[in-house]
């Protein structure tokens, strides 16, 4: 049987594992196995197969204090382990919060609005909808983001602390590029430029010879993600106030965002839908969650 490459982590790691199908020599010589580090809402926790681990020659281990790889002690002595961090950013969505009104349901595995918004929740709880709701939400945003630039250093100190023990680090790239490139579709779903950079760095750390331009894996991530956006089915709008105060040069007020893959909404349409759906669901339950 083939030796295995094991990739462990969240949905970002799942995307990175799928990239091996585009790396001919690697996929021909190894069996690639992905194990999720989180508890799936319908499938539960992943079960790691000891037989797969016994053949593991390369482990891409996404480090997370809450969910460490459960079979580290069982890895073969000659297994090469490369650690890397999960990536996320709170700055672009400073009001990100869990909204219990939107839980898992048949049509939406993680909920219709899996990324809640405290400003919209407050606006909804005040009973405001339509133009009045949008005006209220905008005023709240302006009030709550007056010192958002002060939080840039705080945010990136957090990211750098989290990856300080990782072999592959990415926080400096995010800090240098998030204002000029769209690096995230939601706070924890990176866009292709960031995924490409992570993959390039993982490949370089695993096969150092790939850093040479003549190597077939050199900058393979850039080629793989050139026209592929695997995590873009749900795109959370960045608010105009946040965009202006962070000076996001890539942001445009007319930009539309994918909503569960089959619709495109402007930021205003997204907010109106959130408020209307939330009000409708609370009305059906008598205001209880």
Protein backbone atom coordinates (compact mmCIF):
# COMPACT_ATOMS: atom_id res chain seq x y z
CA UNK A 1 0.00 0.00 0.00
CA UNK A 2 1.07 3.57 -0.63
CA UNK A 3 2.49 5.70 2.16
CA UNK A 4 0.11 8.41 3.30
CA UNK A 5 0.10 12.18 3.46
CA UNK A 6 -2.24 13.17 6.29
CA UNK A 7 -3.72 16.66 6.43
CA UNK A 8 -5.39 17.67 9.68
CA UNK A 9 -7.35 20.84 10.39
CA UNK A 10 -10.45 22.85 9.62
CA UNK A 11 -12.14 23.56 6.27
CA UNK A 12 -9.05 25.45 5.13
CA UNK A 13 -6.98 22.28 5.61
CA UNK A 14 -9.60 20.32 3.65
CA UNK A 15 -9.07 22.64 0.68
CA UNK A 16 -5.30 22.31 0.96
CA UNK A 17 -5.59 18.51 1.06
CA UNK A 18 -7.65 18.55 -2.13
CA UNK A 19 -4.81 20.39 -3.90
CA UNK A 20 -2.73 17.21 -4.06
CA UNK A 21 -4.90 16.03 -6.95
CA UNK A 22 -3.21 18.75 -9.01
CA UNK A 23 0.28 17.60 -8.02
CA UNK A 24 0.81 14.57 -10.23
CA UNK A 25 3.97 13.01 -8.80
CA UNK A 26 2.82 13.45 -5.21
CA UNK A 27 -0.66 12.07 -5.76
CA UNK A 28 0.81 9.11 -7.70
CA UNK A 29 3.19 8.17 -4.90
CA UNK A 30 1.07 8.89 -1.83
CA UNK A 31 -2.44 8.34 -0.56
CA UNK A 32 -3.71 11.69 0.70
CA UNK A 33 -6.06 11.55 3.69
CA UNK A 34 -7.79 14.52 5.32
CA UNK A 35 -9.09 14.50 8.90
CA UNK A 36 -11.17 17.42 10.14
CA UNK A 37 -10.30 18.96 13.49
CA UNK A 38 -13.82 20.19 14.24
CA UNK A 39 -17.10 18.50 15.10
CA UNK A 40 -19.33 18.50 12.03
CA UNK A 41 -22.98 19.47 12.78
CA UNK A 42 -24.36 16.27 11.22
CA UNK A 43 -21.39 13.91 10.88
CA UNK A 44 -19.82 14.47 14.29
CA UNK A 45 -16.12 14.16 15.05
CA UNK A 46 -13.64 12.57 12.66
CA UNK A 47 -12.37 9.08 13.46
CA UNK A 48 -8.65 8.76 12.78
CA UNK A 49 -7.72 5.36 11.32
CA UNK A 50 -4.61 3.92 13.06
CA UNK A 51 -3.71 1.98 9.91
CA UNK A 52 -3.57 5.22 7.90
CA UNK A 53 -1.35 6.76 10.58
CA UNK A 54 0.98 3.75 10.51
CA UNK A 55 1.76 4.54 6.85
CA UNK A 56 2.08 8.30 7.34
CA UNK A 57 5.22 9.83 5.86
CA UNK A 58 4.07 13.46 5.82
CA UNK A 59 1.69 15.21 8.24
CA UNK A 60 0.39 18.70 7.54
CA UNK A 61 -0.83 19.58 10.99
CA UNK A 62 -2.91 22.73 11.42
CA UNK A 63 -2.16 23.66 15.00
CA UNK A 64 -5.05 24.65 17.20
CA UNK A 65 -4.86 24.67 20.99
CA UNK A 66 -8.41 23.42 21.29
CA UNK A 67 -8.14 20.43 18.96
CA UNK A 68 -4.61 19.00 18.71
CA UNK A 69 -3.97 16.10 16.33
CA UNK A 70 -5.05 13.06 18.36
CA UNK A 71 -2.48 10.58 17.00
CA UNK A 72 0.81 12.46 17.33
CA UNK A 73 2.27 9.77 19.58
CA UNK A 74 1.44 7.07 17.01
CA UNK A 75 3.21 8.65 14.04
CA UNK A 76 6.09 6.63 12.52
CA UNK A 77 9.55 7.87 13.47
CA UNK A 78 10.34 8.83 9.89
CA UNK A 79 7.17 10.93 9.45
CA UNK A 80 7.86 14.51 8.44
CA UNK A 81 5.52 16.93 10.25
CA UNK A 82 4.87 20.45 8.99
CA UNK A 83 2.76 22.68 11.22
CA UNK A 84 0.75 25.66 10.07
CA UNK A 85 -1.89 27.94 11.64
CA UNK A 86 -5.56 28.45 10.86
CA UNK A 87 -6.18 31.90 9.39
CA UNK A 88 -8.95 34.34 10.17
CA UNK A 89 -9.44 38.07 10.57
CA UNK A 90 -11.84 39.88 12.83
CA UNK A 91 -11.03 43.40 11.63
CA UNK A 92 -13.13 43.20 8.46
CA UNK A 93 -16.17 42.01 10.42
CA UNK A 94 -15.75 43.58 13.87
CA UNK A 95 -19.32 42.71 14.89
CA UNK A 96 -19.00 39.00 14.10
CA UNK A 97 -21.03 37.00 16.61
CA UNK A 98 -23.02 33.80 16.92
CA UNK A 99 -26.70 34.45 16.25
CA UNK A 100 -28.74 31.59 17.76
CA UNK A 101 -31.73 32.51 15.58
CA UNK A 102 -29.92 31.02 12.59
CA UNK A 103 -29.01 27.45 13.52
CA UNK A 104 -28.46 24.42 11.25
CA UNK A 105 -31.44 23.47 9.12
CA UNK A 106 -32.09 21.16 6.13
CA UNK A 107 -31.34 23.78 3.47
CA UNK A 108 -28.43 25.37 5.34
CA UNK A 109 -26.05 22.98 7.03
CA UNK A 110 -24.50 25.69 9.21
CA UNK A 111 -27.50 28.03 9.22
CA UNK A 112 -28.85 30.57 6.75
CA UNK A 113 -26.62 33.23 8.33
CA UNK A 114 -23.80 31.27 9.97
CA UNK A 115 -21.91 34.53 10.51
CA UNK A 116 -23.99 36.61 12.87
CA UNK A 117 -23.68 40.36 13.25
CA UNK A 118 -24.10 42.11 16.62
CA UNK A 119 -25.15 45.39 15.00
CA UNK A 120 -27.87 43.70 12.97
CA UNK A 121 -28.93 41.67 16.02
CA UNK A 122 -29.28 44.87 18.07
CA UNK A 123 -31.19 46.52 15.24
CA UNK A 124 -33.50 43.51 14.94
CA UNK A 125 -34.06 43.35 18.70
CA UNK A 126 -35.13 47.01 18.54
CA UNK A 127 -37.85 45.97 16.07
CA UNK A 128 -36.43 47.97 13.18
CA UNK A 129 -36.71 46.86 9.54
CA UNK A 130 -36.34 48.30 6.05
CA UNK A 131 -34.81 51.73 5.52
CA UNK A 132 -35.19 52.59 9.20
CA UNK A 133 -33.30 49.43 10.16
CA UNK A 134 -30.49 50.14 7.72
CA UNK A 135 -30.16 53.72 8.99
CA UNK A 136 -30.03 52.51 12.59
CA UNK A 137 -27.43 49.83 11.79
CA UNK A 138 -25.24 52.32 9.92
CA UNK A 139 -25.33 54.75 12.84
CA UNK A 140 -24.34 51.97 15.24
CA UNK A 141 -21.45 50.95 12.99
CA UNK A 142 -20.15 54.49 12.77
CA UNK A 143 -20.29 54.83 16.53
CA UNK A 144 -18.62 51.48 17.25
CA UNK A 145 -15.80 51.72 14.69
CA UNK A 146 -14.38 55.16 15.52
CA UNK A 147 -11.17 53.63 16.87
CA UNK A 148 -10.95 50.59 14.58
CA UNK A 149 -7.43 51.49 13.38
CA UNK A 150 -6.26 51.08 16.96
CA UNK A 151 -7.33 47.46 16.79
CA UNK A 152 -5.10 46.62 13.80
CA UNK A 153 -2.04 46.09 15.99
CA UNK A 154 -4.11 44.16 18.53
CA UNK A 155 -5.50 41.87 15.86
CA UNK A 156 -2.16 41.07 14.31
CA UNK A 157 -0.50 40.54 17.68
CA UNK A 158 -3.17 37.87 18.22
CA UNK A 159 -2.47 36.24 14.86
CA UNK A 160 1.29 36.23 15.38
CA UNK A 161 1.01 34.77 18.89
CA UNK A 162 -1.14 31.94 17.57
CA UNK A 163 1.39 30.93 14.93
CA UNK A 164 4.57 31.49 16.94
CA UNK A 165 5.20 27.74 17.25
CA UNK A 166 4.24 26.89 13.65
CA UNK A 167 6.77 26.02 10.97
CA UNK A 168 4.74 27.88 8.34
CA UNK A 169 3.69 31.41 9.28
CA UNK A 170 1.30 33.65 7.42
CA UNK A 171 0.30 36.58 9.69
CA UNK A 172 2.88 39.04 8.24
CA UNK A 173 1.53 38.34 4.73
CA UNK A 174 -2.02 39.04 5.90
CA UNK A 175 -0.94 42.26 7.65
CA UNK A 176 0.89 43.48 4.54
CA UNK A 177 -1.89 42.69 2.08
CA UNK A 178 -5.36 42.78 3.64
CA UNK A 179 -5.92 46.44 2.73
CA UNK A 180 -4.95 46.05 -0.93
CA UNK A 181 -6.19 42.51 -1.72
CA UNK A 182 -9.37 40.69 -0.83
CA UNK A 183 -7.92 37.88 1.32
CA UNK A 184 -11.11 36.64 3.00
CA UNK A 185 -14.72 35.90 1.98
CA UNK A 186 -15.76 35.63 5.62
CA UNK A 187 -13.77 35.94 8.81
CA UNK A 188 -12.48 32.34 8.61
CA UNK A 189 -12.78 31.55 4.88
CA UNK A 190 -9.72 32.76 2.96
CA UNK A 191 -9.85 33.81 -0.67
CA UNK A 192 -7.58 32.39 -3.37
CA UNK A 193 -4.61 34.82 -2.97
CA UNK A 194 -4.23 33.80 0.68
CA UNK A 195 -4.81 30.08 0.04
CA UNK A 196 -2.18 30.20 -2.72
CA UNK A 197 0.35 31.77 -0.38
CA UNK A 198 -0.31 29.23 2.37
CA UNK A 199 0.02 26.32 -0.07
CA UNK A 200 3.24 27.72 -1.54
CA UNK A 201 4.73 27.98 1.94
CA UNK A 202 3.56 24.49 2.95
CA UNK A 203 5.08 22.96 -0.17
CA UNK A 204 8.32 24.87 0.39
CA UNK A 205 8.55 23.69 4.01
CA UNK A 206 7.80 20.07 3.02
CA UNK A 207 9.98 19.88 -0.07
CA UNK A 208 12.68 22.58 0.29
CA UNK A 209 13.96 21.83 -3.23
CA UNK A 210 10.63 23.16 -4.57
CA UNK A 211 11.81 26.69 -3.76
CA UNK A 212 13.99 26.57 -6.85
CA UNK A 213 12.25 28.02 -9.95
CA UNK A 214 13.02 24.93 -12.07
CA UNK A 215 11.25 22.55 -9.65
CA UNK A 216 7.78 21.35 -10.85
CA UNK A 217 6.20 22.28 -7.50
CA UNK A 218 7.66 25.79 -7.43
CA UNK A 219 4.77 28.22 -6.78
CA UNK A 220 2.28 25.40 -7.41
CA UNK A 221 -0.19 27.13 -5.09
CA UNK A 222 -0.28 30.21 -7.30
CA UNK A 223 -1.14 28.07 -10.32
CA UNK A 224 -3.72 25.91 -8.53
CA UNK A 225 -5.64 28.88 -7.13
CA UNK A 226 -5.26 31.14 -10.17
CA UNK A 227 -8.92 30.65 -11.16
CA UNK A 228 -10.31 28.64 -8.24
CA UNK A 229 -12.24 29.99 -5.25
CA UNK A 230 -13.21 26.92 -3.22
CA UNK A 231 -14.51 28.83 -0.17
CA UNK A 232 -16.50 31.54 -1.93
CA UNK A 233 -20.02 30.06 -1.88
CA UNK A 234 -20.97 32.32 1.02
CA UNK A 235 -19.42 35.80 0.96
CA UNK A 236 -20.08 38.12 3.87
CA UNK A 237 -20.20 41.80 2.87
CA UNK A 238 -17.69 44.18 4.40
CA UNK A 239 -19.52 47.27 5.61
CA UNK A 240 -18.86 50.64 4.01
CA UNK A 241 -17.92 52.26 7.31
CA UNK A 242 -15.36 49.56 8.06
CA UNK A 243 -13.99 49.70 4.50
CA UNK A 244 -13.53 53.45 4.63
CA UNK A 245 -11.97 53.55 8.08
CA UNK A 246 -9.53 50.75 7.25
CA UNK A 247 -8.85 52.26 3.81
CA UNK A 248 -9.54 49.01 1.93
CA UNK A 249 -8.50 49.87 -1.62
CA UNK A 250 -10.10 46.73 -3.11
CA UNK A 251 -13.57 47.49 -1.67
CA UNK A 252 -16.29 48.85 -3.96
CA UNK A 253 -19.78 49.94 -2.85
CA UNK A 254 -21.38 48.29 -5.89
CA UNK A 255 -19.77 44.90 -5.31
CA UNK A 256 -22.14 41.96 -4.98
CA UNK A 257 -21.55 38.97 -2.73
CA UNK A 258 -22.50 35.35 -3.24
CA UNK A 259 -25.14 34.11 -0.85
CA UNK A 260 -24.99 30.33 -0.51
CA UNK A 261 -23.71 30.04 -4.06
CA UNK A 262 -26.93 30.68 -5.96
CA UNK A 263 -27.67 34.36 -5.26
CA UNK A 264 -25.72 37.60 -5.35
CA UNK A 265 -26.56 40.40 -2.94
CA UNK A 266 -25.35 43.93 -2.42
CA UNK A 267 -24.40 44.81 1.18
CA UNK A 268 -27.74 46.58 1.54
CA UNK A 269 -29.69 43.58 0.21
CA UNK A 270 -27.77 41.26 2.54
CA UNK A 271 -28.62 43.36 5.58
CA UNK A 272 -32.27 43.71 4.64
CA UNK A 273 -32.56 39.94 4.17
CA UNK A 274 -30.86 39.32 7.52
CA UNK A 275 -33.22 41.68 9.34
CA UNK A 276 -36.35 40.36 7.60
CA UNK A 277 -35.47 36.70 8.12
CA UNK A 278 -34.57 37.27 11.74
CA UNK A 279 -37.81 39.12 12.43
CA UNK A 280 -39.84 36.42 10.69
CA UNK A 281 -38.23 33.61 12.65
CA UNK A 282 -38.55 35.38 15.99
CA UNK A 283 -42.22 36.07 15.24
CA UNK A 284 -42.84 32.37 14.58
CA UNK A 285 -41.23 31.40 17.90
CA UNK A 286 -42.80 34.16 19.94
CA UNK A 287 -39.51 35.97 20.31
CA UNK A 288 -37.65 32.99 21.77
CA UNK A 289 -34.69 31.17 20.24
